[in-house]
N, C-alpha and C. Protein backbone atom coordinates (compact mmCIF):
# COMPACT_ATOMS: atom_id res chain seq x y z
N MET A 1 -11.21 -12.99 -22.97
CA MET A 1 -10.94 -12.64 -21.58
C MET A 1 -11.40 -11.20 -21.34
N PRO A 2 -12.08 -10.94 -20.22
CA PRO A 2 -12.53 -9.56 -19.94
C PRO A 2 -11.35 -8.64 -19.68
N GLN A 3 -11.59 -7.37 -19.93
CA GLN A 3 -10.54 -6.37 -19.68
C GLN A 3 -10.26 -6.24 -18.19
N PRO A 4 -9.03 -5.87 -17.84
CA PRO A 4 -8.72 -5.59 -16.44
C PRO A 4 -9.51 -4.37 -15.96
N PRO A 5 -9.67 -4.23 -14.65
CA PRO A 5 -10.49 -3.15 -14.10
C PRO A 5 -10.11 -1.74 -14.56
N ARG A 6 -8.84 -1.45 -14.75
CA ARG A 6 -8.42 -0.08 -15.08
C ARG A 6 -8.21 0.15 -16.58
N ALA A 7 -8.56 -0.81 -17.42
CA ALA A 7 -8.30 -0.69 -18.85
C ALA A 7 -8.95 0.55 -19.47
N GLU A 8 -10.20 0.81 -19.15
CA GLU A 8 -10.89 1.98 -19.73
C GLU A 8 -10.26 3.29 -19.26
N ALA A 9 -9.92 3.37 -17.98
CA ALA A 9 -9.28 4.59 -17.47
C ALA A 9 -7.92 4.81 -18.14
N ILE A 10 -7.18 3.74 -18.35
CA ILE A 10 -5.88 3.85 -19.02
C ILE A 10 -6.06 4.33 -20.45
N ALA A 11 -7.03 3.75 -21.16
CA ALA A 11 -7.28 4.17 -22.54
C ALA A 11 -7.68 5.64 -22.61
N THR A 12 -8.55 6.06 -21.70
CA THR A 12 -8.99 7.45 -21.69
C THR A 12 -7.83 8.40 -21.38
N ALA A 13 -7.04 8.07 -20.37
CA ALA A 13 -5.95 8.96 -19.96
C ALA A 13 -4.83 9.02 -20.99
N THR A 14 -4.52 7.89 -21.61
CA THR A 14 -3.38 7.86 -22.54
C THR A 14 -3.79 8.19 -23.97
N GLY A 15 -5.07 8.08 -24.27
CA GLY A 15 -5.52 8.29 -25.65
C GLY A 15 -5.17 7.09 -26.53
N ILE A 16 -4.83 5.97 -25.92
CA ILE A 16 -4.45 4.75 -26.64
C ILE A 16 -5.40 3.64 -26.19
N SER A 17 -6.08 3.01 -27.13
CA SER A 17 -7.06 1.99 -26.77
C SER A 17 -6.40 0.84 -26.03
N TRP A 18 -7.21 0.15 -25.22
CA TRP A 18 -6.65 -0.99 -24.49
C TRP A 18 -6.15 -2.07 -25.44
N SER A 19 -6.87 -2.33 -26.52
CA SER A 19 -6.42 -3.35 -27.48
C SER A 19 -5.10 -2.94 -28.13
N ALA A 20 -4.91 -1.64 -28.36
CA ALA A 20 -3.63 -1.17 -28.93
C ALA A 20 -2.49 -1.38 -27.93
N TRP A 21 -2.77 -1.13 -26.62
CA TRP A 21 -1.75 -1.40 -25.60
C TRP A 21 -1.36 -2.87 -25.61
N CYS A 22 -2.37 -3.74 -25.64
CA CYS A 22 -2.08 -5.18 -25.62
C CYS A 22 -1.29 -5.59 -26.86
N ASP A 23 -1.66 -5.08 -28.03
CA ASP A 23 -0.92 -5.39 -29.26
C ASP A 23 0.53 -4.94 -29.15
N LEU A 24 0.74 -3.72 -28.67
CA LEU A 24 2.09 -3.18 -28.53
C LEU A 24 2.94 -4.06 -27.61
N LEU A 25 2.40 -4.40 -26.45
CA LEU A 25 3.17 -5.18 -25.48
C LEU A 25 3.33 -6.63 -25.92
N ASP A 26 2.32 -7.18 -26.59
CA ASP A 26 2.46 -8.54 -27.14
C ASP A 26 3.59 -8.59 -28.17
N ARG A 27 3.65 -7.59 -29.07
CA ARG A 27 4.71 -7.56 -30.09
C ARG A 27 6.09 -7.42 -29.48
N ALA A 28 6.17 -6.84 -28.27
CA ALA A 28 7.45 -6.65 -27.58
C ALA A 28 7.76 -7.84 -26.67
N SER A 29 7.11 -8.98 -26.91
CA SER A 29 7.29 -10.19 -26.08
C SER A 29 6.85 -9.96 -24.64
N GLY A 30 5.80 -9.18 -24.46
CA GLY A 30 5.29 -8.82 -23.14
C GLY A 30 5.09 -9.95 -22.16
N PRO A 31 4.49 -11.08 -22.60
CA PRO A 31 4.27 -12.15 -21.64
C PRO A 31 5.55 -12.70 -21.00
N SER A 32 6.69 -12.51 -21.65
CA SER A 32 7.94 -13.02 -21.08
C SER A 32 8.75 -11.95 -20.36
N LEU A 33 8.26 -10.71 -20.38
CA LEU A 33 9.00 -9.61 -19.76
C LEU A 33 8.60 -9.42 -18.29
N PRO A 34 9.58 -9.04 -17.46
CA PRO A 34 9.24 -8.73 -16.06
C PRO A 34 8.48 -7.41 -15.98
N HIS A 35 7.86 -7.19 -14.84
CA HIS A 35 7.04 -6.00 -14.63
C HIS A 35 7.79 -4.70 -14.94
N ASP A 36 9.01 -4.57 -14.43
CA ASP A 36 9.73 -3.30 -14.62
C ASP A 36 9.99 -3.01 -16.09
N ARG A 37 10.24 -4.04 -16.89
CA ARG A 37 10.49 -3.82 -18.32
C ARG A 37 9.20 -3.42 -19.03
N LEU A 38 8.07 -4.03 -18.65
CA LEU A 38 6.79 -3.63 -19.22
C LEU A 38 6.51 -2.16 -18.93
N ALA A 39 6.79 -1.74 -17.70
CA ALA A 39 6.55 -0.34 -17.31
C ALA A 39 7.44 0.61 -18.11
N VAL A 40 8.69 0.24 -18.34
CA VAL A 40 9.59 1.09 -19.13
C VAL A 40 9.07 1.22 -20.56
N LEU A 41 8.65 0.11 -21.16
CA LEU A 41 8.09 0.16 -22.51
C LEU A 41 6.87 1.07 -22.57
N ALA A 42 5.99 0.93 -21.59
CA ALA A 42 4.78 1.76 -21.57
C ALA A 42 5.13 3.22 -21.36
N ALA A 43 6.07 3.51 -20.47
CA ALA A 43 6.46 4.91 -20.22
C ALA A 43 7.05 5.53 -21.48
N ASP A 44 7.91 4.80 -22.16
CA ASP A 44 8.49 5.31 -23.40
C ASP A 44 7.42 5.57 -24.44
N HIS A 45 6.44 4.67 -24.54
CA HIS A 45 5.38 4.84 -25.52
C HIS A 45 4.49 6.03 -25.18
N ILE A 46 4.16 6.17 -23.92
CA ILE A 46 3.34 7.32 -23.51
C ILE A 46 4.09 8.62 -23.78
N ALA A 47 5.37 8.66 -23.44
CA ALA A 47 6.16 9.88 -23.62
C ALA A 47 6.26 10.28 -25.08
N THR A 48 6.30 9.30 -25.99
CA THR A 48 6.46 9.63 -27.40
C THR A 48 5.16 9.67 -28.19
N GLN A 49 4.11 8.98 -27.70
CA GLN A 49 2.89 8.85 -28.48
C GLN A 49 1.65 9.50 -27.87
N ALA A 50 1.66 9.75 -26.59
CA ALA A 50 0.43 10.20 -25.94
C ALA A 50 0.18 11.70 -26.09
N GLY A 51 1.14 12.43 -26.64
CA GLY A 51 0.93 13.84 -26.92
C GLY A 51 0.48 14.63 -25.71
N SER A 52 -0.67 15.29 -25.83
CA SER A 52 -1.17 16.14 -24.75
C SER A 52 -2.23 15.42 -23.91
N SER A 53 -2.21 14.11 -23.92
CA SER A 53 -3.19 13.37 -23.13
C SER A 53 -2.98 13.61 -21.65
N ALA A 54 -3.97 13.21 -20.85
CA ALA A 54 -3.88 13.37 -19.40
C ALA A 54 -2.67 12.63 -18.83
N ALA A 55 -2.28 11.55 -19.47
CA ALA A 55 -1.16 10.74 -18.97
C ALA A 55 0.20 11.33 -19.30
N ALA A 56 0.28 12.21 -20.27
CA ALA A 56 1.58 12.71 -20.72
C ALA A 56 2.36 13.40 -19.61
N SER A 57 1.69 14.13 -18.74
CA SER A 57 2.40 14.86 -17.70
C SER A 57 2.80 13.98 -16.52
N ASN A 58 2.25 12.78 -16.46
CA ASN A 58 2.57 11.85 -15.37
C ASN A 58 2.74 10.46 -15.98
N HIS A 59 3.55 10.39 -17.03
CA HIS A 59 3.63 9.17 -17.82
C HIS A 59 4.19 7.97 -17.07
N GLU A 60 5.07 8.18 -16.10
CA GLU A 60 5.63 7.04 -15.37
C GLU A 60 4.57 6.38 -14.48
N TRP A 61 3.70 7.19 -13.85
CA TRP A 61 2.63 6.64 -13.03
C TRP A 61 1.66 5.84 -13.89
N TRP A 62 1.27 6.41 -15.03
CA TRP A 62 0.34 5.71 -15.92
C TRP A 62 0.99 4.47 -16.51
N ALA A 63 2.29 4.50 -16.74
CA ALA A 63 3.00 3.34 -17.27
C ALA A 63 2.93 2.17 -16.30
N GLN A 64 3.03 2.45 -14.99
CA GLN A 64 2.88 1.39 -13.99
C GLN A 64 1.48 0.78 -14.11
N GLY A 65 0.48 1.63 -14.29
CA GLY A 65 -0.88 1.14 -14.44
C GLY A 65 -1.05 0.27 -15.68
N VAL A 66 -0.41 0.68 -16.78
CA VAL A 66 -0.46 -0.13 -18.01
C VAL A 66 0.17 -1.49 -17.76
N ALA A 67 1.34 -1.51 -17.13
CA ALA A 67 2.04 -2.78 -16.87
C ALA A 67 1.20 -3.70 -15.98
N ILE A 68 0.62 -3.14 -14.94
CA ILE A 68 -0.21 -3.94 -14.02
C ILE A 68 -1.43 -4.50 -14.75
N ALA A 69 -2.12 -3.65 -15.48
CA ALA A 69 -3.32 -4.09 -16.20
C ALA A 69 -2.97 -5.15 -17.25
N TYR A 70 -1.84 -4.98 -17.93
CA TYR A 70 -1.41 -5.97 -18.91
C TYR A 70 -1.12 -7.31 -18.24
N GLU A 71 -0.46 -7.27 -17.09
CA GLU A 71 -0.19 -8.51 -16.35
C GLU A 71 -1.48 -9.18 -15.92
N GLN A 72 -2.50 -8.39 -15.58
CA GLN A 72 -3.81 -8.95 -15.27
C GLN A 72 -4.44 -9.55 -16.53
N GLN A 73 -4.30 -8.87 -17.63
CA GLN A 73 -4.88 -9.32 -18.90
C GLN A 73 -4.30 -10.68 -19.32
N ILE A 74 -3.00 -10.87 -19.13
CA ILE A 74 -2.37 -12.13 -19.57
C ILE A 74 -2.40 -13.20 -18.49
N GLY A 75 -3.01 -12.89 -17.34
CA GLY A 75 -3.17 -13.89 -16.28
C GLY A 75 -1.99 -14.03 -15.35
N ARG A 76 -1.07 -13.10 -15.38
CA ARG A 76 0.10 -13.17 -14.50
C ARG A 76 -0.25 -12.76 -13.07
N ARG A 77 -1.25 -11.90 -12.93
CA ARG A 77 -1.69 -11.49 -11.59
C ARG A 77 -3.17 -11.15 -11.63
N VAL A 78 -3.76 -11.10 -10.46
CA VAL A 78 -5.18 -10.75 -10.34
C VAL A 78 -5.27 -9.35 -9.72
N PRO A 79 -6.42 -8.67 -9.85
CA PRO A 79 -6.55 -7.35 -9.24
C PRO A 79 -6.20 -7.38 -7.75
N GLY A 80 -5.41 -6.41 -7.33
CA GLY A 80 -4.99 -6.30 -5.94
C GLY A 80 -3.67 -6.99 -5.67
N GLN A 81 -3.17 -7.80 -6.62
CA GLN A 81 -1.93 -8.54 -6.41
C GLN A 81 -0.75 -7.71 -6.89
N THR A 82 0.32 -7.71 -6.11
CA THR A 82 1.53 -6.98 -6.48
C THR A 82 2.41 -7.85 -7.37
N SER A 83 3.46 -7.26 -7.90
CA SER A 83 4.39 -8.02 -8.73
C SER A 83 5.16 -9.06 -7.92
N ARG A 84 5.14 -8.94 -6.59
CA ARG A 84 5.80 -9.92 -5.72
C ARG A 84 4.90 -11.12 -5.44
N GLY A 85 3.62 -11.03 -5.81
CA GLY A 85 2.70 -12.12 -5.60
C GLY A 85 1.79 -11.96 -4.39
N ASP A 86 2.10 -10.98 -3.53
CA ASP A 86 1.22 -10.74 -2.39
C ASP A 86 0.12 -9.77 -2.81
N PHE A 87 -0.70 -9.36 -1.86
CA PHE A 87 -1.85 -8.51 -2.17
C PHE A 87 -1.82 -7.26 -1.31
N GLN A 88 -2.53 -6.23 -1.78
CA GLN A 88 -2.64 -5.00 -1.01
C GLN A 88 -4.03 -4.42 -1.21
N VAL A 89 -4.43 -3.61 -0.26
CA VAL A 89 -5.71 -2.93 -0.35
C VAL A 89 -5.51 -1.48 0.03
N GLY A 90 -6.22 -0.61 -0.64
CA GLY A 90 -6.16 0.81 -0.33
C GLY A 90 -7.56 1.38 -0.24
N VAL A 91 -7.77 2.22 0.73
CA VAL A 91 -9.03 2.97 0.88
C VAL A 91 -8.66 4.41 1.22
N SER A 92 -9.56 5.33 0.90
CA SER A 92 -9.27 6.73 1.21
C SER A 92 -10.54 7.49 1.53
N LYS A 93 -10.33 8.65 2.11
CA LYS A 93 -11.45 9.52 2.49
C LYS A 93 -10.97 10.96 2.43
N THR A 94 -11.84 11.83 1.98
CA THR A 94 -11.56 13.26 2.03
C THR A 94 -11.88 13.76 3.43
N PHE A 95 -10.97 14.53 3.99
CA PHE A 95 -11.10 15.06 5.34
C PHE A 95 -11.22 16.57 5.26
N ALA A 96 -12.18 17.15 5.96
CA ALA A 96 -12.38 18.60 5.97
C ALA A 96 -11.39 19.22 6.96
N GLY A 97 -10.22 19.53 6.49
CA GLY A 97 -9.18 20.13 7.32
C GLY A 97 -7.84 20.03 6.63
N ASN A 98 -6.88 20.80 7.10
CA ASN A 98 -5.55 20.78 6.49
C ASN A 98 -4.79 19.52 6.91
N LEU A 99 -3.55 19.40 6.44
CA LEU A 99 -2.74 18.21 6.71
C LEU A 99 -2.58 17.92 8.19
N ASP A 100 -2.23 18.94 8.95
CA ASP A 100 -2.00 18.73 10.38
C ASP A 100 -3.28 18.37 11.12
N ALA A 101 -4.39 18.99 10.73
CA ALA A 101 -5.68 18.66 11.36
C ALA A 101 -6.06 17.21 11.04
N ALA A 102 -5.80 16.80 9.81
CA ALA A 102 -6.11 15.42 9.43
C ALA A 102 -5.24 14.43 10.21
N LEU A 103 -3.96 14.73 10.33
CA LEU A 103 -3.08 13.85 11.11
C LEU A 103 -3.52 13.80 12.57
N ASP A 104 -3.83 14.94 13.14
CA ASP A 104 -4.30 14.97 14.54
C ASP A 104 -5.57 14.14 14.71
N ALA A 105 -6.50 14.27 13.76
CA ALA A 105 -7.74 13.50 13.84
C ALA A 105 -7.45 12.00 13.72
N TRP A 106 -6.52 11.63 12.83
CA TRP A 106 -6.14 10.22 12.70
C TRP A 106 -5.54 9.70 14.01
N LEU A 107 -4.61 10.46 14.57
CA LEU A 107 -3.96 10.03 15.81
C LEU A 107 -4.97 9.90 16.95
N GLU A 108 -5.94 10.80 17.00
CA GLU A 108 -6.97 10.70 18.02
C GLU A 108 -7.85 9.47 17.79
N LEU A 109 -8.20 9.22 16.54
CA LEU A 109 -9.04 8.07 16.20
C LEU A 109 -8.33 6.75 16.50
N ILE A 110 -7.08 6.65 16.11
CA ILE A 110 -6.34 5.40 16.30
C ILE A 110 -5.95 5.24 17.77
N GLY A 111 -5.78 6.38 18.46
CA GLY A 111 -5.58 6.40 19.91
C GLY A 111 -4.52 5.47 20.42
N ALA A 112 -4.83 4.84 21.50
CA ALA A 112 -3.88 3.94 22.17
C ALA A 112 -4.11 2.49 21.76
N ARG A 113 -4.68 2.27 20.61
CA ARG A 113 -4.94 0.90 20.16
C ARG A 113 -3.65 0.09 20.16
N THR A 114 -3.80 -1.15 20.46
CA THR A 114 -2.68 -2.08 20.37
C THR A 114 -2.92 -3.11 19.27
N SER A 115 -4.12 -3.06 18.66
CA SER A 115 -4.43 -3.95 17.55
C SER A 115 -5.39 -3.26 16.61
N ILE A 116 -5.43 -3.77 15.39
CA ILE A 116 -6.36 -3.29 14.37
C ILE A 116 -6.97 -4.53 13.73
N GLY A 117 -8.28 -4.53 13.62
CA GLY A 117 -8.94 -5.68 13.00
C GLY A 117 -8.61 -7.00 13.68
N GLY A 118 -8.31 -6.95 14.96
CA GLY A 118 -7.98 -8.15 15.70
C GLY A 118 -6.54 -8.61 15.58
N VAL A 119 -5.72 -7.82 14.87
CA VAL A 119 -4.31 -8.18 14.69
C VAL A 119 -3.46 -7.19 15.47
N ARG A 120 -2.59 -7.72 16.31
CA ARG A 120 -1.74 -6.91 17.18
C ARG A 120 -0.74 -6.07 16.36
N MET A 121 -0.59 -4.82 16.79
CA MET A 121 0.44 -3.95 16.21
C MET A 121 1.80 -4.40 16.73
N GLU A 122 2.78 -4.39 15.85
CA GLU A 122 4.13 -4.77 16.22
C GLU A 122 4.97 -3.52 16.36
N GLY A 123 5.43 -3.25 17.55
CA GLY A 123 6.23 -2.04 17.76
C GLY A 123 5.38 -0.79 17.74
N GLU A 124 6.05 0.31 17.81
CA GLU A 124 5.39 1.62 17.82
C GLU A 124 5.07 2.07 16.40
N ALA A 125 3.95 2.75 16.26
CA ALA A 125 3.64 3.39 14.98
C ALA A 125 4.63 4.53 14.77
N ARG A 126 4.94 4.78 13.51
CA ARG A 126 5.89 5.83 13.15
C ARG A 126 5.14 6.97 12.45
N VAL A 127 5.41 8.19 12.90
CA VAL A 127 4.79 9.37 12.30
C VAL A 127 5.90 10.22 11.71
N SER A 128 5.70 10.69 10.49
CA SER A 128 6.67 11.57 9.85
C SER A 128 5.92 12.55 8.96
N SER A 129 6.64 13.56 8.50
CA SER A 129 5.98 14.56 7.65
C SER A 129 6.98 15.20 6.71
N THR A 130 6.44 15.72 5.62
CA THR A 130 7.18 16.56 4.69
C THR A 130 6.33 17.81 4.51
N GLU A 131 6.78 18.70 3.69
CA GLU A 131 6.00 19.90 3.44
C GLU A 131 4.62 19.57 2.86
N LYS A 132 4.55 18.53 2.03
CA LYS A 132 3.31 18.21 1.34
C LYS A 132 2.56 17.00 1.88
N TRP A 133 3.16 16.23 2.77
CA TRP A 133 2.55 14.98 3.23
C TRP A 133 2.72 14.79 4.73
N ARG A 134 1.81 13.99 5.29
CA ARG A 134 1.92 13.49 6.66
C ARG A 134 1.76 11.98 6.57
N TYR A 135 2.55 11.25 7.36
CA TYR A 135 2.55 9.79 7.28
C TYR A 135 2.40 9.17 8.66
N TRP A 136 1.70 8.04 8.70
CA TRP A 136 1.61 7.20 9.89
C TRP A 136 1.79 5.78 9.40
N ARG A 137 2.74 5.05 9.99
CA ARG A 137 3.02 3.69 9.55
C ARG A 137 3.13 2.75 10.74
N VAL A 138 2.68 1.51 10.52
CA VAL A 138 2.81 0.50 11.57
C VAL A 138 2.90 -0.88 10.91
N ASP A 139 3.64 -1.76 11.56
CA ASP A 139 3.71 -3.16 11.16
C ASP A 139 2.73 -3.93 12.03
N LEU A 140 2.11 -4.95 11.46
CA LEU A 140 1.21 -5.80 12.23
C LEU A 140 1.85 -7.16 12.46
N ALA A 141 1.40 -7.83 13.50
CA ALA A 141 1.99 -9.10 13.92
C ALA A 141 1.86 -10.20 12.87
N ASP A 142 0.93 -10.06 11.94
CA ASP A 142 0.77 -11.08 10.89
C ASP A 142 1.73 -10.88 9.72
N GLY A 143 2.65 -9.92 9.86
CA GLY A 143 3.64 -9.66 8.80
C GLY A 143 3.20 -8.63 7.78
N THR A 144 2.00 -8.08 7.93
CA THR A 144 1.53 -7.07 6.99
C THR A 144 1.96 -5.68 7.47
N ARG A 145 1.84 -4.72 6.59
CA ARG A 145 2.22 -3.34 6.90
C ARG A 145 1.10 -2.38 6.52
N VAL A 146 0.97 -1.33 7.33
CA VAL A 146 -0.06 -0.32 7.09
C VAL A 146 0.61 1.04 6.98
N SER A 147 0.21 1.77 5.95
CA SER A 147 0.69 3.14 5.76
C SER A 147 -0.51 4.04 5.58
N VAL A 148 -0.59 5.09 6.39
CA VAL A 148 -1.62 6.11 6.23
C VAL A 148 -0.90 7.33 5.67
N ASP A 149 -1.30 7.73 4.46
CA ASP A 149 -0.68 8.85 3.78
C ASP A 149 -1.71 9.97 3.68
N ILE A 150 -1.36 11.12 4.21
CA ILE A 150 -2.28 12.26 4.23
C ILE A 150 -1.73 13.33 3.31
N GLY A 151 -2.49 13.65 2.28
CA GLY A 151 -2.06 14.62 1.29
C GLY A 151 -3.03 15.78 1.18
N ARG A 152 -2.54 16.89 0.69
CA ARG A 152 -3.35 18.10 0.53
C ARG A 152 -4.24 17.97 -0.69
N LYS A 153 -5.52 18.23 -0.52
CA LYS A 153 -6.46 18.25 -1.64
C LYS A 153 -6.73 19.70 -2.03
N THR A 154 -7.08 20.53 -1.05
CA THR A 154 -7.22 21.98 -1.21
C THR A 154 -6.66 22.59 0.06
N ASP A 155 -6.77 23.91 0.21
CA ASP A 155 -6.27 24.55 1.43
C ASP A 155 -6.92 24.01 2.69
N GLN A 156 -8.18 23.63 2.60
CA GLN A 156 -8.89 23.15 3.79
C GLN A 156 -9.46 21.75 3.64
N LYS A 157 -8.90 20.97 2.72
CA LYS A 157 -9.30 19.58 2.57
C LYS A 157 -8.06 18.72 2.35
N SER A 158 -8.08 17.56 2.96
CA SER A 158 -6.98 16.61 2.81
C SER A 158 -7.54 15.25 2.41
N THR A 159 -6.68 14.44 1.83
CA THR A 159 -7.04 13.06 1.54
C THR A 159 -6.29 12.16 2.50
N VAL A 160 -7.01 11.31 3.17
CA VAL A 160 -6.41 10.33 4.08
C VAL A 160 -6.51 8.98 3.37
N GLY A 161 -5.36 8.46 2.98
CA GLY A 161 -5.33 7.20 2.25
C GLY A 161 -4.63 6.12 3.07
N ILE A 162 -5.27 4.98 3.17
CA ILE A 162 -4.69 3.85 3.90
C ILE A 162 -4.28 2.79 2.88
N ASN A 163 -3.04 2.35 2.97
CA ASN A 163 -2.53 1.29 2.11
C ASN A 163 -2.04 0.16 3.01
N HIS A 164 -2.64 -1.01 2.87
CA HIS A 164 -2.31 -2.17 3.68
C HIS A 164 -1.68 -3.21 2.75
N THR A 165 -0.41 -3.54 2.98
CA THR A 165 0.35 -4.39 2.07
C THR A 165 0.73 -5.72 2.71
N ARG A 166 1.23 -6.60 1.85
CA ARG A 166 1.72 -7.94 2.23
C ARG A 166 0.61 -8.88 2.68
N LEU A 167 -0.58 -8.69 2.15
CA LEU A 167 -1.69 -9.59 2.45
C LEU A 167 -1.52 -10.88 1.64
N ASP A 168 -2.07 -11.98 2.15
CA ASP A 168 -1.86 -13.28 1.53
C ASP A 168 -2.89 -13.68 0.48
N SER A 169 -4.05 -12.99 0.43
CA SER A 169 -5.10 -13.46 -0.47
C SER A 169 -6.08 -12.35 -0.82
N THR A 170 -6.86 -12.60 -1.86
CA THR A 170 -7.91 -11.64 -2.23
C THR A 170 -8.99 -11.60 -1.15
N GLU A 171 -9.19 -12.72 -0.44
CA GLU A 171 -10.18 -12.73 0.64
C GLU A 171 -9.76 -11.76 1.75
N LEU A 172 -8.46 -11.74 2.06
CA LEU A 172 -7.98 -10.80 3.07
C LEU A 172 -8.08 -9.36 2.59
N VAL A 173 -7.92 -9.15 1.30
CA VAL A 173 -8.09 -7.80 0.74
C VAL A 173 -9.49 -7.30 1.07
N GLU A 174 -10.49 -8.11 0.79
CA GLU A 174 -11.87 -7.68 1.04
C GLU A 174 -12.17 -7.55 2.52
N GLU A 175 -11.63 -8.45 3.32
CA GLU A 175 -11.84 -8.37 4.77
C GLU A 175 -11.25 -7.06 5.31
N TRP A 176 -10.02 -6.76 4.92
CA TRP A 176 -9.37 -5.54 5.42
C TRP A 176 -9.99 -4.28 4.82
N ARG A 177 -10.50 -4.36 3.58
CA ARG A 177 -11.17 -3.20 3.01
C ARG A 177 -12.32 -2.78 3.92
N GLY A 178 -13.07 -3.76 4.40
CA GLY A 178 -14.18 -3.48 5.32
C GLY A 178 -13.70 -2.89 6.63
N VAL A 179 -12.62 -3.44 7.18
CA VAL A 179 -12.07 -2.91 8.43
C VAL A 179 -11.67 -1.45 8.25
N TRP A 180 -10.92 -1.16 7.18
CA TRP A 180 -10.43 0.20 6.98
C TRP A 180 -11.54 1.18 6.65
N LYS A 181 -12.52 0.76 5.87
CA LYS A 181 -13.66 1.65 5.59
C LYS A 181 -14.40 1.97 6.89
N GLY A 182 -14.54 0.98 7.74
CA GLY A 182 -15.20 1.21 9.02
C GLY A 182 -14.45 2.20 9.88
N ILE A 183 -13.13 2.07 9.92
CA ILE A 183 -12.32 3.02 10.70
C ILE A 183 -12.39 4.41 10.09
N LEU A 184 -12.25 4.51 8.77
CA LEU A 184 -12.31 5.83 8.13
C LEU A 184 -13.67 6.48 8.29
N ALA A 185 -14.73 5.69 8.39
CA ALA A 185 -16.07 6.27 8.57
C ALA A 185 -16.15 7.06 9.87
N ASP A 186 -15.32 6.68 10.84
CA ASP A 186 -15.32 7.38 12.14
C ASP A 186 -14.35 8.56 12.17
N LEU A 187 -13.62 8.80 11.10
CA LEU A 187 -12.66 9.90 11.06
C LEU A 187 -13.38 11.22 10.82
N SER A 188 -13.27 12.13 11.79
CA SER A 188 -13.91 13.44 11.61
C SER A 188 -13.14 14.51 12.33
């Protein structure tokens, strides 16, 4: 079976080969364990074995990646599928401007739209912020959810990331990826 898409990145970041990860999780009865237990096992292993690897300082995030990739490896899920069985897609773009400028540009771009990709927005979009982040969220009439997360990259650059969740299929993932890339292409 081919390796999951993130296997090489996981091996590089953790300093632990993908085959070693699979052996470790297989020995711990991985195929019968739920996602959260796989992630705990991976986090514990990274914390004790990864030393000064790139993953050591953010071991819980990398542990989630290990658990997801392992579930893909054993056929429990396919790329883009969540542990709940639905699908999600994410796209992002670097924006030349600070957090507030990026949020303002997003709000101007999205404007008074009542639908996205032909699907009606349900209710009002919600905007919130923290010191480090700006958020825009909306529910769509098809039961999916959209979150735009704007984070600081440098003093004058931000990352605008769109995460669209609760999709029903990999086909919808690719369809929405195109919609979101098209919208982000117009963000300036």
